[in-house]
């Protein structure tokens, strides 16, 4: 994973990217924006919360490319996630 993060860091702003950071192929139109979202969710744990149940309902009204969905499903696999990007 460290090698993939280092590769992403070298890509210019606005460069499209396909990454295997989540296991399968994950695509984004902007490598640097993807990297920042990844760091916010997975490294800084900005959106971490304690669920009151094993299967919470999570509404993501600004899902972008779905990094948040990946994060929430990684910390709470039984969560029901409704995600949309209004852009």
PDB file of N, CA and C in Angstrom:
ATOM      1  N   UNK A   1       0.819  -1.187   0.000  1.00  0.00           N
ATOM      2  CA  UNK A   1       0.000   0.000   0.000  1.00  0.00           C
ATOM      3  C   UNK A   1       0.867   1.258   0.000  1.00  0.00           C
ATOM      4  N   UNK A   2       1.972   1.223   0.718  1.00  0.00           N
ATOM      5  CA  UNK A   2       2.843   2.400   0.771  1.00  0.00           C
ATOM      6  C   UNK A   2       3.372   2.768  -0.608  1.00  0.00           C
ATOM      7  N   UNK A   3       3.703   1.766  -1.415  1.00  0.00           N
ATOM      8  CA  UNK A   3       4.185   2.038  -2.778  1.00  0.00           C
ATOM      9  C   UNK A   3       3.088   2.695  -3.615  1.00  0.00           C
ATOM     10  N   UNK A   4       1.861   2.229  -3.461  1.00  0.00           N
ATOM     11  CA  UNK A   4       0.756   2.806  -4.230  1.00  0.00           C
ATOM     12  C   UNK A   4       0.483   4.237  -3.790  1.00  0.00           C
ATOM     13  N   UNK A   5       0.529   4.501  -2.493  1.00  0.00           N
ATOM     14  CA  UNK A   5       0.343   5.878  -2.006  1.00  0.00           C
ATOM     15  C   UNK A   5       1.447   6.794  -2.528  1.00  0.00           C
ATOM     16  N   UNK A   6       2.669   6.308  -2.542  1.00  0.00           N
ATOM     17  CA  UNK A   6       3.791   7.101  -3.069  1.00  0.00           C
ATOM     18  C   UNK A   6       3.595   7.379  -4.563  1.00  0.00           C
ATOM     19  N   UNK A   7       3.097   6.399  -5.305  1.00  0.00           N
ATOM     20  CA  UNK A   7       2.841   6.593  -6.736  1.00  0.00           C
ATOM     21  C   UNK A   7       1.779   7.668  -6.941  1.00  0.00           C
ATOM     22  N   UNK A   8       0.718   7.605  -6.152  1.00  0.00           N
ATOM     23  CA  UNK A   8      -0.353   8.588  -6.278  1.00  0.00           C
ATOM     24  C   UNK A   8       0.129   9.996  -5.944  1.00  0.00           C
ATOM     25  N   UNK A   9       0.997  10.109  -4.956  1.00  0.00           N
ATOM     26  CA  UNK A   9       1.518  11.421  -4.556  1.00  0.00           C
ATOM     27  C   UNK A   9       2.270  12.104  -5.696  1.00  0.00           C
ATOM     28  N   UNK A  10       2.872  11.318  -6.576  1.00  0.00           N
ATOM     29  CA  UNK A  10       3.674  11.872  -7.672  1.00  0.00           C
ATOM     30  C   UNK A  10       2.834  12.336  -8.862  1.00  0.00           C
ATOM     31  N   UNK A  11       1.579  11.909  -8.912  1.00  0.00           N
ATOM     32  CA  UNK A  11       0.726  12.275 -10.044  1.00  0.00           C
ATOM     33  C   UNK A  11       0.289  13.737  -9.926  1.00  0.00           C
ATOM     34  N   UNK A  12       0.207  14.437 -11.051  1.00  0.00           N
ATOM     35  CA  UNK A  12      -0.168  15.854 -11.007  1.00  0.00           C
ATOM     36  C   UNK A  12      -1.656  16.056 -10.703  1.00  0.00           C
ATOM     37  N   UNK A  13      -1.973  17.233 -10.232  1.00  0.00           N
ATOM     38  CA  UNK A  13      -3.350  17.636  -9.970  1.00  0.00           C
ATOM     39  C   UNK A  13      -4.163  17.486 -11.251  1.00  0.00           C
ATOM     40  N   UNK A  14      -5.313  16.864 -11.161  1.00  0.00           N
ATOM     41  CA  UNK A  14      -6.182  16.697 -12.327  1.00  0.00           C
ATOM     42  C   UNK A  14      -5.890  15.473 -13.165  1.00  0.00           C
ATOM     43  N   UNK A  15      -4.875  14.697 -12.777  1.00  0.00           N
ATOM     44  CA  UNK A  15      -4.553  13.492 -13.544  1.00  0.00           C
ATOM     45  C   UNK A  15      -5.523  12.373 -13.193  1.00  0.00           C
ATOM     46  N   UNK A  16      -6.160  11.756 -14.189  1.00  0.00           N
ATOM     47  CA  UNK A  16      -7.027  10.613 -13.888  1.00  0.00           C
ATOM     48  C   UNK A  16      -6.186   9.462 -13.346  1.00  0.00           C
ATOM     49  N   UNK A  17      -6.810   8.635 -12.527  1.00  0.00           N
ATOM     50  CA  UNK A  17      -6.049   7.549 -11.910  1.00  0.00           C
ATOM     51  C   UNK A  17      -6.908   6.302 -11.783  1.00  0.00           C
ATOM     52  N   UNK A  18      -6.262   5.169 -11.918  1.00  0.00           N
ATOM     53  CA  UNK A  18      -6.835   3.871 -11.575  1.00  0.00           C
ATOM     54  C   UNK A  18      -5.894   3.295 -10.532  1.00  0.00           C
ATOM     55  N   UNK A  19      -6.442   2.969  -9.376  1.00  0.00           N
ATOM     56  CA  UNK A  19      -5.615   2.478  -8.285  1.00  0.00           C
ATOM     57  C   UNK A  19      -6.165   1.168  -7.739  1.00  0.00           C
ATOM     58  N   UNK A  20      -5.275   0.374  -7.201  1.00  0.00           N
ATOM     59  CA  UNK A  20      -5.670  -0.906  -6.602  1.00  0.00           C
ATOM     60  C   UNK A  20      -5.651  -0.816  -5.075  1.00  0.00           C
ATOM     61  N   UNK A  21      -5.695   0.388  -4.551  1.00  0.00           N
ATOM     62  CA  UNK A  21      -5.550   0.600  -3.107  1.00  0.00           C
ATOM     63  C   UNK A  21      -6.626  -0.103  -2.284  1.00  0.00           C
ATOM     64  N   UNK A  22      -7.789  -0.338  -2.859  1.00  0.00           N
ATOM     65  CA  UNK A  22      -8.872  -1.013  -2.140  1.00  0.00           C
ATOM     66  C   UNK A  22      -8.991  -2.487  -2.523  1.00  0.00           C
ATOM     67  N   UNK A  23      -8.016  -3.002  -3.227  1.00  0.00           N
ATOM     68  CA  UNK A  23      -8.056  -4.402  -3.643  1.00  0.00           C
ATOM     69  C   UNK A  23      -8.369  -4.555  -5.116  1.00  0.00           C
ATOM     70  N   UNK A  24      -9.528  -4.080  -5.534  1.00  0.00           N
ATOM     71  CA  UNK A  24      -9.877  -4.099  -6.955  1.00  0.00           C
ATOM     72  C   UNK A  24      -9.507  -2.762  -7.580  1.00  0.00           C
ATOM     73  N   UNK A  25      -9.832  -2.590  -8.826  1.00  0.00           N
ATOM     74  CA  UNK A  25      -9.525  -1.328  -9.506  1.00  0.00           C
ATOM     75  C   UNK A  25     -10.550  -0.263  -9.084  1.00  0.00           C
ATOM     76  N   UNK A  26     -10.054   0.879  -8.689  1.00  0.00           N
ATOM     77  CA  UNK A  26     -10.868   2.021  -8.269  1.00  0.00           C
ATOM     78  C   UNK A  26     -10.420   3.205  -9.106  1.00  0.00           C
ATOM     79  N   UNK A  27     -11.347   3.889  -9.748  1.00  0.00           N
ATOM     80  CA  UNK A  27     -10.999   4.983 -10.663  1.00  0.00           C
ATOM     81  C   UNK A  27     -11.468   6.330 -10.126  1.00  0.00           C
ATOM     82  N   UNK A  28     -10.676   7.346 -10.455  1.00  0.00           N
ATOM     83  CA  UNK A  28     -11.017   8.721 -10.096  1.00  0.00           C
ATOM     84  C   UNK A  28     -10.503   9.641 -11.197  1.00  0.00           C
ATOM     85  N   UNK A  29     -11.187  10.753 -11.385  1.00  0.00           N
ATOM     86  CA  UNK A  29     -10.761  11.722 -12.404  1.00  0.00           C
ATOM     87  C   UNK A  29      -9.598  12.593 -11.941  1.00  0.00           C
ATOM     88  N   UNK A  30      -9.288  12.566 -10.660  1.00  0.00           N
ATOM     89  CA  UNK A  30      -8.237  13.435 -10.127  1.00  0.00           C
ATOM     90  C   UNK A  30      -7.474  12.704  -9.033  1.00  0.00           C
ATOM     91  N   UNK A  31      -6.244  12.319  -9.342  1.00  0.00           N
ATOM     92  CA  UNK A  31      -5.428  11.540  -8.410  1.00  0.00           C
ATOM     93  C   UNK A  31      -5.214  12.264  -7.083  1.00  0.00           C
ATOM     94  N   UNK A  32      -4.953  13.561  -7.129  1.00  0.00           N
ATOM     95  CA  UNK A  32      -4.679  14.295  -5.897  1.00  0.00           C
ATOM     96  C   UNK A  32      -5.933  14.455  -5.042  1.00  0.00           C
ATOM     97  N   UNK A  33      -7.072  14.679  -5.662  1.00  0.00           N
ATOM     98  CA  UNK A  33      -8.325  14.762  -4.911  1.00  0.00           C
ATOM     99  C   UNK A  33      -8.638  13.409  -4.273  1.00  0.00           C
ATOM    100  N   UNK A  34      -8.430  12.325  -5.025  1.00  0.00           N
ATOM    101  CA  UNK A  34      -8.638  10.990  -4.480  1.00  0.00           C
ATOM    102  C   UNK A  34      -7.723  10.763  -3.281  1.00  0.00           C
ATOM    103  N   UNK A  35      -6.452  11.125  -3.431  1.00  0.00           N
ATOM    104  CA  UNK A  35      -5.485  10.916  -2.360  1.00  0.00           C
ATOM    105  C   UNK A  35      -5.883  11.684  -1.100  1.00  0.00           C
ATOM    106  N   UNK A  36      -6.353  12.902  -1.260  1.00  0.00           N
ATOM    107  CA  UNK A  36      -6.786  13.690  -0.109  1.00  0.00           C
ATOM    108  C   UNK A  36      -7.995  13.050   0.566  1.00  0.00           C
ATOM    109  N   UNK A  37      -8.952  12.559  -0.230  1.00  0.00           N
ATOM    110  CA  UNK A  37     -10.111  11.873   0.357  1.00  0.00           C
ATOM    111  C   UNK A  37      -9.661  10.616   1.101  1.00  0.00           C
ATOM    112  N   UNK A  38      -8.768   9.854   0.495  1.00  0.00           N
ATOM    113  CA  UNK A  38      -8.257   8.640   1.129  1.00  0.00           C
ATOM    114  C   UNK A  38      -7.634   8.971   2.483  1.00  0.00           C
ATOM    115  N   UNK A  39      -6.792   9.985   2.506  1.00  0.00           N
ATOM    116  CA  UNK A  39      -6.116  10.370   3.759  1.00  0.00           C
ATOM    117  C   UNK A  39      -7.118  10.840   4.808  1.00  0.00           C
ATOM    118  N   UNK A  40      -8.113  11.630   4.399  1.00  0.00           N
ATOM    119  CA  UNK A  40      -9.115  12.129   5.339  1.00  0.00           C
ATOM    120  C   UNK A  40      -9.883  10.978   5.979  1.00  0.00           C
ATOM    121  N   UNK A  41     -10.273  10.014   5.184  1.00  0.00           N
ATOM    122  CA  UNK A  41     -11.057   8.891   5.709  1.00  0.00           C
ATOM    123  C   UNK A  41     -10.196   7.852   6.424  1.00  0.00           C
ATOM    124  N   UNK A  42      -9.174   7.354   5.759  1.00  0.00           N
ATOM    125  CA  UNK A  42      -8.447   6.193   6.259  1.00  0.00           C
ATOM    126  C   UNK A  42      -7.254   6.523   7.149  1.00  0.00           C
ATOM    127  N   UNK A  43      -6.606   7.641   6.946  1.00  0.00           N
ATOM    128  CA  UNK A  43      -5.453   7.976   7.780  1.00  0.00           C
ATOM    129  C   UNK A  43      -5.832   8.876   8.948  1.00  0.00           C
ATOM    130  N   UNK A  44      -6.529   9.967   8.658  1.00  0.00           N
ATOM    131  CA  UNK A  44      -6.899  10.904   9.734  1.00  0.00           C
ATOM    132  C   UNK A  44      -8.179  10.489  10.454  1.00  0.00           C
ATOM    133  N   UNK A  45      -8.925   9.537   9.870  1.00  0.00           N
ATOM    134  CA  UNK A  45     -10.164   9.043  10.483  1.00  0.00           C
ATOM    135  C   UNK A  45     -11.155  10.180  10.768  1.00  0.00           C
ATOM    136  N   UNK A  46     -11.210  11.151   9.866  1.00  0.00           N
ATOM    137  CA  UNK A  46     -12.045  12.337  10.029  1.00  0.00           C
ATOM    138  C   UNK A  46     -13.515  12.002  10.216  1.00  0.00           C
ATOM    139  N   UNK A  47     -13.985  10.957   9.584  1.00  0.00           N
ATOM    140  CA  UNK A  47     -15.406  10.628   9.602  1.00  0.00           C
ATOM    141  C   UNK A  47     -15.744   9.419  10.473  1.00  0.00           C
ATOM    142  N   UNK A  48     -14.850   9.066  11.377  1.00  0.00           N
ATOM    143  CA  UNK A  48     -15.091   7.935  12.255  1.00  0.00           C
ATOM    144  C   UNK A  48     -16.218   8.262  13.242  1.00  0.00           C
ATOM    145  N   UNK A  49     -17.035   7.280  13.533  1.00  0.00           N
ATOM    146  CA  UNK A  49     -18.105   7.452  14.515  1.00  0.00           C
ATOM    147  C   UNK A  49     -18.379   6.111  15.173  1.00  0.00           C
ATOM    148  N   UNK A  50     -19.016   6.163  16.317  1.00  0.00           N
ATOM    149  CA  UNK A  50     -19.433   4.940  17.002  1.00  0.00           C
ATOM    150  C   UNK A  50     -20.873   4.645  16.640  1.00  0.00           C
ATOM    151  N   UNK A  51     -21.092   3.546  15.984  1.00  0.00           N
ATOM    152  CA  UNK A  51     -22.437   3.165  15.582  1.00  0.00           C
ATOM    153  C   UNK A  51     -23.201   2.616  16.784  1.00  0.00           C
ATOM    154  N   UNK A  52     -24.468   2.921  16.843  1.00  0.00           N
ATOM    155  CA  UNK A  52     -25.315   2.416  17.928  1.00  0.00           C
ATOM    156  C   UNK A  52     -25.842   1.015  17.637  1.00  0.00           C
ATOM    157  N   UNK A  53     -25.646   0.565  16.404  1.00  0.00           N
ATOM    158  CA  UNK A  53     -26.068  -0.788  16.038  1.00  0.00           C
ATOM    159  C   UNK A  53     -25.028  -1.383  15.091  1.00  0.00           C
ATOM    160  N   UNK A  54     -25.146  -2.680  14.855  1.00  0.00           N
ATOM    161  CA  UNK A  54     -24.215  -3.356  13.949  1.00  0.00           C
ATOM    162  C   UNK A  54     -24.488  -3.031  12.490  1.00  0.00           C
ATOM    163  N   UNK A  55     -25.700  -2.526  12.216  1.00  0.00           N
ATOM    164  CA  UNK A  55     -26.083  -2.226  10.839  1.00  0.00           C
ATOM    165  C   UNK A  55     -26.717  -0.834  10.755  1.00  0.00           C
ATOM    166  N   UNK A  56     -25.921   0.215  10.986  1.00  0.00           N
ATOM    167  CA  UNK A  56     -26.500   1.555  10.918  1.00  0.00           C
ATOM    168  C   UNK A  56     -26.839   1.943   9.483  1.00  0.00           C
ATOM    169  N   UNK A  57     -27.725   2.910   9.359  1.00  0.00           N
ATOM    170  CA  UNK A  57     -28.032   3.499   8.062  1.00  0.00           C
ATOM    171  C   UNK A  57     -27.189   4.759   7.944  1.00  0.00           C
ATOM    172  N   UNK A  58     -26.352   4.820   6.913  1.00  0.00           N
ATOM    173  CA  UNK A  58     -25.473   5.965   6.689  1.00  0.00           C
ATOM    174  C   UNK A  58     -25.906   6.639   5.400  1.00  0.00           C
ATOM    175  N   UNK A  59     -26.183   7.930   5.470  1.00  0.00           N
ATOM    176  CA  UNK A  59     -26.548   8.723   4.293  1.00  0.00           C
ATOM    177  C   UNK A  59     -25.364   9.599   3.928  1.00  0.00           C
ATOM    178  N   UNK A  60     -24.884   9.471   2.718  1.00  0.00           N
ATOM    179  CA  UNK A  60     -23.737  10.256   2.238  1.00  0.00           C
ATOM    180  C   UNK A  60     -24.203  11.106   1.069  1.00  0.00           C
ATOM    181  N   UNK A  61     -24.542  12.351   1.352  1.00  0.00           N
ATOM    182  CA  UNK A  61     -25.049  13.260   0.333  1.00  0.00           C
ATOM    183  C   UNK A  61     -23.950  14.135  -0.237  1.00  0.00           C
ATOM    184  N   UNK A  62     -22.953  13.557  -0.778  1.00  0.00           N
ATOM    185  CA  UNK A  62     -21.809  14.228  -1.380  1.00  0.00           C
ATOM    186  C   UNK A  62     -20.714  13.191  -1.542  1.00  0.00           C
ATOM    187  N   UNK A  63     -21.090  12.065  -2.104  1.00  0.00           N
ATOM    188  CA  UNK A  63     -20.253  10.871  -2.106  1.00  0.00           C
ATOM    189  C   UNK A  63     -19.042  10.932  -3.034  1.00  0.00           C
ATOM    190  N   UNK A  64     -19.006  11.915  -3.927  1.00  0.00           N
ATOM    191  CA  UNK A  64     -17.906  12.008  -4.874  1.00  0.00           C
ATOM    192  C   UNK A  64     -17.736  10.674  -5.573  1.00  0.00           C
ATOM    193  N   UNK A  65     -16.570  10.042  -5.474  1.00  0.00           N
ATOM    194  CA  UNK A  65     -16.339   8.771  -6.180  1.00  0.00           C
ATOM    195  C   UNK A  65     -16.549   7.552  -5.287  1.00  0.00           C
ATOM    196  N   UNK A  66     -16.923   7.754  -4.028  1.00  0.00           N
ATOM    197  CA  UNK A  66     -17.260   6.624  -3.166  1.00  0.00           C
ATOM    198  C   UNK A  66     -16.214   6.198  -2.158  1.00  0.00           C
ATOM    199  N   UNK A  67     -15.221   7.028  -1.901  1.00  0.00           N
ATOM    200  CA  UNK A  67     -14.205   6.681  -0.906  1.00  0.00           C
ATOM    201  C   UNK A  67     -14.837   6.525   0.473  1.00  0.00           C
ATOM    202  N   UNK A  68     -15.791   7.393   0.799  1.00  0.00           N
ATOM    203  CA  UNK A  68     -16.478   7.291   2.084  1.00  0.00           C
ATOM    204  C   UNK A  68     -17.229   5.989   2.231  1.00  0.00           C
ATOM    205  N   UNK A  69     -17.862   5.546   1.161  1.00  0.00           N
ATOM    206  CA  UNK A  69     -18.584   4.271   1.199  1.00  0.00           C
ATOM    207  C   UNK A  69     -17.611   3.142   1.525  1.00  0.00           C
ATOM    208  N   UNK A  70     -16.466   3.144   0.881  1.00  0.00           N
ATOM    209  CA  UNK A  70     -15.445   2.122   1.157  1.00  0.00           C
ATOM    210  C   UNK A  70     -15.015   2.172   2.616  1.00  0.00           C
ATOM    211  N   UNK A  71     -14.825   3.384   3.132  1.00  0.00           N
ATOM    212  CA  UNK A  71     -14.401   3.542   4.522  1.00  0.00           C
ATOM    213  C   UNK A  71     -15.456   3.002   5.481  1.00  0.00           C
ATOM    214  N   UNK A  72     -16.707   3.457   5.325  1.00  0.00           N
ATOM    215  CA  UNK A  72     -17.751   3.039   6.257  1.00  0.00           C
ATOM    216  C   UNK A  72     -17.987   1.534   6.207  1.00  0.00           C
ATOM    217  N   UNK A  73     -17.919   0.945   5.032  1.00  0.00           N
ATOM    218  CA  UNK A  73     -18.091  -0.504   4.934  1.00  0.00           C
ATOM    219  C   UNK A  73     -16.889  -1.241   5.537  1.00  0.00           C
ATOM    220  N   UNK A  74     -15.721  -0.604   5.566  1.00  0.00           N
ATOM    221  CA  UNK A  74     -14.554  -1.253   6.179  1.00  0.00           C
ATOM    222  C   UNK A  74     -14.647  -1.251   7.704  1.00  0.00           C
ATOM    223  N   UNK A  75     -15.249  -0.211   8.290  1.00  0.00           N
ATOM    224  CA  UNK A  75     -15.351  -0.167   9.755  1.00  0.00           C
ATOM    225  C   UNK A  75     -16.663  -0.747  10.266  1.00  0.00           C
ATOM    226  N   UNK A  76     -17.652  -0.844   9.395  1.00  0.00           N
ATOM    227  CA  UNK A  76     -18.968  -1.359   9.787  1.00  0.00           C
ATOM    228  C   UNK A  76     -19.549  -2.128   8.595  1.00  0.00           C
ATOM    229  N   UNK A  77     -19.085  -3.361   8.392  1.00  0.00           N
ATOM    230  CA  UNK A  77     -19.459  -4.126   7.191  1.00  0.00           C
ATOM    231  C   UNK A  77     -20.959  -4.317   6.980  1.00  0.00           C
ATOM    232  N   UNK A  78     -21.737  -4.309   8.039  1.00  0.00           N
ATOM    233  CA  UNK A  78     -23.171  -4.531   7.892  1.00  0.00           C
ATOM    234  C   UNK A  78     -23.966  -3.241   7.720  1.00  0.00           C
ATOM    235  N   UNK A  79     -23.272  -2.121   7.644  1.00  0.00           N
ATOM    236  CA  UNK A  79     -23.960  -0.830   7.479  1.00  0.00           C
ATOM    237  C   UNK A  79     -24.704  -0.804   6.153  1.00  0.00           C
ATOM    238  N   UNK A  80     -25.818  -0.084   6.151  1.00  0.00           N
ATOM    239  CA  UNK A  80     -26.552   0.193   4.918  1.00  0.00           C
ATOM    240  C   UNK A  80     -26.156   1.622   4.535  1.00  0.00           C
ATOM    241  N   UNK A  81     -25.537   1.786   3.393  1.00  0.00           N
ATOM    242  CA  UNK A  81     -25.035   3.083   2.976  1.00  0.00           C
ATOM    243  C   UNK A  81     -25.804   3.539   1.745  1.00  0.00           C
ATOM    244  N   UNK A  82     -26.417   4.718   1.842  1.00  0.00           N
ATOM    245  CA  UNK A  82     -27.067   5.348   0.697  1.00  0.00           C
ATOM    246  C   UNK A  82     -26.193   6.537   0.338  1.00  0.00           C
ATOM    247  N   UNK A  83     -25.610   6.489  -0.841  1.00  0.00           N
ATOM    248  CA  UNK A  83     -24.659   7.519  -1.242  1.00  0.00           C
ATOM    249  C   UNK A  83     -25.051   8.104  -2.591  1.00  0.00           C
ATOM    250  N   UNK A  84     -24.909   9.416  -2.705  1.00  0.00           N
ATOM    251  CA  UNK A  84     -25.144  10.059  -3.999  1.00  0.00           C
ATOM    252  C   UNK A  84     -24.244  11.275  -4.114  1.00  0.00           C
ATOM    253  N   UNK A  85     -23.967  11.648  -5.336  1.00  0.00           N
ATOM    254  CA  UNK A  85     -23.164  12.834  -5.632  1.00  0.00           C
ATOM    255  C   UNK A  85     -24.019  13.762  -6.464  1.00  0.00           C
ATOM    256  N   UNK A  86     -24.429  14.901  -5.904  1.00  0.00           N
ATOM    257  CA  UNK A  86     -25.342  15.797  -6.623  1.00  0.00           C
ATOM    258  C   UNK A  86     -24.703  16.570  -7.762  1.00  0.00           C
ATOM    259  N   UNK A  87     -23.409  16.480  -7.951  1.00  0.00           N
ATOM    260  CA  UNK A  87     -22.734  17.239  -9.001  1.00  0.00           C
ATOM    261  C   UNK A  87     -23.087  16.682 -10.359  1.00  0.00           C
TER     262      UNK A  87
END
